[in-house]
Amino acid sequence: MCGGAMYYQELIDCFKEEFGNFTEIIVLDNPETVASRGYALNSLRAGHGRMKSAVGIDIGNATTVVTNISE
């Protein structure tokens, strides 16, 4: 699971209660940056590997996270 909300143990517990019987629930490291990193990787793919133009932007309710791809 990803997103800044994953810093709230109560929310994680709710997911585990609801879905834990049939799937493994994993909270990734730095969950608040996962979406923007994924967007940046997709941007790199769509831009045919041009790192200078690869960027990921995740606009959230409370924060915006920007990820650039660098060598």
Protein backbone atom coordinates (compact mmCIF):
# COMPACT_ATOMS: atom_id res chain seq x y z
CA MET A 1 0.00 0.00 0.00
CA CYS A 2 1.21 3.50 -0.66
CA GLY A 3 0.35 7.11 0.02
CA GLY A 4 0.87 9.38 2.99
CA ALA A 5 -2.19 7.92 4.70
CA MET A 6 -0.15 4.78 5.29
CA TYR A 7 1.47 6.55 8.25
CA TYR A 8 -1.83 6.03 10.11
CA GLN A 9 -1.75 2.62 11.76
CA GLU A 10 -5.52 2.69 12.32
CA LEU A 11 -6.09 2.86 8.55
CA ILE A 12 -3.63 0.03 7.91
CA ASP A 13 -5.42 -2.07 10.53
CA CYS A 14 -8.74 -1.44 8.76
CA PHE A 15 -7.28 -2.65 5.46
CA LYS A 16 -5.83 -5.73 7.14
CA GLU A 17 -9.17 -6.49 8.78
CA GLU A 18 -11.06 -6.08 5.50
CA PHE A 19 -8.66 -7.73 3.06
CA GLY A 20 -6.05 -9.58 5.14
CA ASN A 21 -7.80 -12.96 4.93
CA PHE A 22 -7.17 -13.30 1.20
CA THR A 23 -4.19 -11.06 0.40
CA GLU A 24 -0.96 -9.90 2.00
CA ILE A 25 -1.01 -6.24 3.03
CA ILE A 26 2.38 -4.55 2.67
CA VAL A 27 3.15 -0.90 3.37
CA LEU A 28 6.07 0.22 1.22
CA ASP A 29 9.01 2.32 2.41
CA ASN A 30 8.41 6.04 1.94
CA PRO A 31 4.78 5.46 0.96
CA GLU A 32 4.15 9.16 0.30
CA THR A 33 6.53 9.11 -2.69
CA VAL A 34 5.49 5.85 -4.40
CA ALA A 35 2.88 7.37 -6.73
CA SER A 36 5.13 10.16 -8.00
CA ARG A 37 8.01 7.69 -8.50
CA GLY A 38 5.71 5.47 -10.56
CA TYR A 39 4.54 8.44 -12.60
CA ALA A 40 8.18 9.42 -13.24
CA LEU A 41 9.04 5.90 -14.41
CA ASN A 42 6.04 5.92 -16.73
CA SER A 43 7.10 9.33 -18.02
CA LEU A 44 10.57 7.90 -18.73
CA ARG A 45 8.99 5.02 -20.65
CA ALA A 46 6.64 7.28 -22.60
CA GLY A 47 9.51 9.68 -23.37
CA HIS A 48 11.59 6.87 -24.87
CA GLY A 49 14.22 7.06 -22.12
CA ARG A 50 14.83 10.81 -22.17
CA MET A 51 15.72 11.42 -18.53
CA LYS A 52 15.63 15.22 -18.75
CA SER A 53 11.93 15.14 -19.59
CA ALA A 54 10.93 12.38 -17.14
CA VAL A 55 9.04 13.75 -14.16
CA GLY A 56 6.34 12.45 -11.87
CA ILE A 57 3.90 14.72 -10.06
CA ASP A 58 1.45 13.47 -7.45
CA ILE A 59 -0.98 16.21 -6.43
CA GLY A 60 -2.61 15.22 -3.17
CA ASN A 61 -5.06 16.79 -0.76
CA ALA A 62 -2.40 18.04 1.65
CA THR A 63 0.88 17.83 -0.29
CA THR A 64 2.31 17.62 -3.77
CA VAL A 65 5.27 15.31 -4.44
CA VAL A 66 7.52 15.79 -7.48
CA THR A 67 10.02 13.13 -8.62
CA ASN A 68 12.74 13.66 -11.23
CA ILE A 69 14.70 10.82 -12.82
CA SER A 70 18.47 11.23 -12.67
CA GLU A 71 21.37 9.03 -13.68
